[in-house]
Every structure is written in C-alpha cells, then in structure tokens.
Amino acid sequence: MKLIVAYIKPEKLDDVKRSLSDAGIFRMSVTNSLGCGRQKGYTESYRGLTSDINLLKKTRLEIAVNDDFVEPAVHALIKGAQTGGIGDGKIFIVPMDDCVRISSMETGPGAIG
C-alpha cells in the first residue's frame, strides 16, 4: 500500500481527475495549498506598493492505493498535470503501513477499496 501525494497547478485539477478516472482511480482527497519551488514566485505592484509573492497557489491530492495501482496512478497524474513548464508540480510516493475503514473496521489493502 502506498500514499501518493501530488502537488499540481490548480487549473489542471479537472484534467488530472479525468486522467485518474480513465485509469480506474476514483478515490482521492483534494486540498488547496501554498508553496514555492523553482518558480520562486513573482513581483506584484498594487497602488504603488511592490510585493514579492513567493508562495504560489497549488492543489494537493492525496491518493491511497494498493501496490498494483501505483504506476497507473503516477502515469495518470503526469498525463493530466504536465504542461512542460516549470511549476507543473511534484509527486511523492510514501509507504503506508496500514489502512482502516472506519465503518467496518476492515484493515489492510481491502480497506483502501
């Protein structure tokens, strides 16, 4: 079992969801986040004041999958999120020790679904 955490551009969320759905992956958590990386932000001027904006809006997806779904999920994330430019995002794959379905108390790979 793995937990896939992906940071993508907010405007690519619909493309990523479509790509994941095509790969048979429907369960995910999505949150808005702020972050900085190689993009390093930008400078903004408003009413004569200049501000450095170095935390950019990103969308964070968390997807728990069984081992046989890791590769299809990663390929689907890349397919949906990639524009070829800096700031497309990152994907982290983290080992997951266990999973518990609260309603039935089922544990392990079967609890993921």
Protein backbone atom coordinates (compact mmCIF):
# COMPACT_ATOMS: atom_id res chain seq x y z
CA MET A 1 0.00 0.00 0.00
CA LYS A 2 1.22 3.48 -0.84
CA LEU A 3 0.09 7.03 -0.25
CA ILE A 4 0.61 9.21 -3.31
CA VAL A 5 0.82 12.93 -2.57
CA ALA A 6 0.82 15.22 -5.59
CA TYR A 7 1.08 19.00 -5.87
CA ILE A 8 -0.28 20.37 -9.13
CA LYS A 9 -1.38 23.64 -10.68
CA PRO A 10 -4.98 24.40 -9.61
CA GLU A 11 -6.10 24.88 -13.21
CA LYS A 12 -5.00 21.31 -14.06
CA LEU A 13 -7.26 19.65 -11.46
CA ASP A 14 -10.05 18.76 -13.90
CA ASP A 15 -7.55 17.25 -16.35
CA VAL A 16 -5.93 15.22 -13.56
CA LYS A 17 -9.28 13.95 -12.24
CA ARG A 18 -10.27 12.92 -15.78
CA SER A 19 -6.95 11.15 -16.31
CA LEU A 20 -7.20 9.34 -12.95
CA SER A 21 -10.77 8.31 -13.73
CA ASP A 22 -9.65 6.87 -17.08
CA ALA A 23 -7.05 4.83 -15.13
CA GLY A 24 -9.75 3.46 -12.78
CA ILE A 25 -8.79 5.61 -9.80
CA PHE A 26 -11.72 7.47 -8.25
CA ARG A 27 -10.87 7.96 -4.56
CA MET A 28 -8.79 10.96 -3.53
CA SER A 29 -8.59 13.90 -1.17
CA VAL A 30 -8.04 17.37 -2.61
CA THR A 31 -6.96 20.48 -0.72
CA ASN A 32 -5.70 23.92 -1.65
CA SER A 33 -2.17 24.74 -0.57
CA LEU A 34 0.57 27.33 -0.93
CA GLY A 35 4.15 26.56 -1.79
CA CYS A 36 7.30 27.59 -3.57
CA GLY A 37 9.87 25.75 -5.62
CA ARG A 38 11.86 26.52 -8.74
CA GLN A 39 9.23 29.04 -9.84
CA LYS A 40 10.36 31.29 -6.97
CA GLY A 41 7.20 33.40 -7.17
CA TYR A 42 6.72 36.77 -8.79
CA THR A 43 6.61 40.52 -8.03
CA GLU A 44 3.30 42.31 -7.89
CA SER A 45 2.56 46.05 -7.80
CA TYR A 46 -0.66 47.48 -6.40
CA ARG A 47 -1.28 51.19 -5.82
CA GLY A 48 2.40 51.99 -5.90
CA LEU A 49 3.44 49.24 -3.47
CA THR A 50 5.60 46.38 -4.70
CA SER A 51 5.27 42.95 -3.08
CA ASP A 52 7.22 39.76 -3.63
CA ILE A 53 4.81 36.84 -3.85
CA ASN A 54 6.84 33.70 -3.24
CA LEU A 55 4.11 31.31 -2.09
CA LEU A 56 2.09 30.23 -5.10
CA LYS A 57 -1.31 28.53 -5.15
CA LYS A 58 -1.14 24.78 -5.65
CA THR A 59 -3.59 21.91 -5.32
CA ARG A 60 -2.64 18.92 -3.17
CA LEU A 61 -4.01 15.48 -3.96
CA GLU A 62 -3.70 12.50 -1.64
CA ILE A 63 -4.45 9.10 -3.09
CA ALA A 64 -4.13 5.83 -1.14
CA VAL A 65 -3.59 2.90 -3.50
CA ASN A 66 -2.67 -0.74 -3.40
CA ASP A 67 0.71 -1.59 -4.91
CA ASP A 68 -0.65 -2.59 -8.32
CA PHE A 69 -2.24 0.85 -8.77
CA VAL A 70 0.89 2.94 -8.03
CA GLU A 71 2.26 3.03 -11.56
CA PRO A 72 -1.11 3.71 -13.28
CA ALA A 73 -1.85 6.48 -10.76
CA VAL A 74 1.53 8.17 -11.27
CA HIS A 75 1.23 7.99 -15.06
CA ALA A 76 -2.31 9.41 -14.88
CA LEU A 77 -1.14 12.28 -12.64
CA ILE A 78 1.67 13.12 -15.05
CA LYS A 79 -0.63 12.89 -18.08
CA GLY A 80 -3.19 15.23 -16.54
CA ALA A 81 -0.83 17.74 -14.91
CA GLN A 82 2.08 18.08 -17.32
CA THR A 83 2.40 21.28 -19.34
CA GLY A 84 6.14 21.02 -19.92
CA GLY A 85 6.93 24.14 -17.92
CA ILE A 86 8.36 24.91 -14.52
CA GLY A 87 5.75 24.66 -11.78
CA ASP A 88 3.89 21.60 -13.07
CA GLY A 89 4.26 20.06 -9.62
CA LYS A 90 5.69 17.11 -7.74
CA ILE A 91 4.57 13.58 -6.89
CA PHE A 92 5.65 11.87 -3.66
CA ILE A 93 5.12 8.14 -3.09
CA VAL A 94 5.10 7.19 0.58
CA PRO A 95 4.86 3.66 2.04
CA MET A 96 1.71 3.10 4.08
CA ASP A 97 1.81 0.65 6.99
CA ASP A 98 -1.92 0.14 7.33
CA CYS A 99 -5.35 1.45 6.46
CA VAL A 100 -8.57 1.13 8.48
CA ARG A 101 -12.07 1.57 7.09
CA ILE A 102 -13.94 3.19 9.96
CA SER A 103 -17.42 1.89 9.08
CA SER A 104 -16.49 -1.81 9.02
CA MET A 105 -13.14 -1.77 10.86
CA GLU A 106 -11.66 -3.63 7.86
CA THR A 107 -7.88 -3.21 7.70
CA GLY A 108 -5.14 -3.58 5.11
CA PRO A 109 -5.37 -3.45 1.31
CA GLY A 110 -9.09 -4.28 1.33
CA ALA A 111 -9.84 -1.14 3.33
CA ILE A 112 -8.48 1.08 0.58
CA GLY A 113 -11.12 -0.13 -1.86
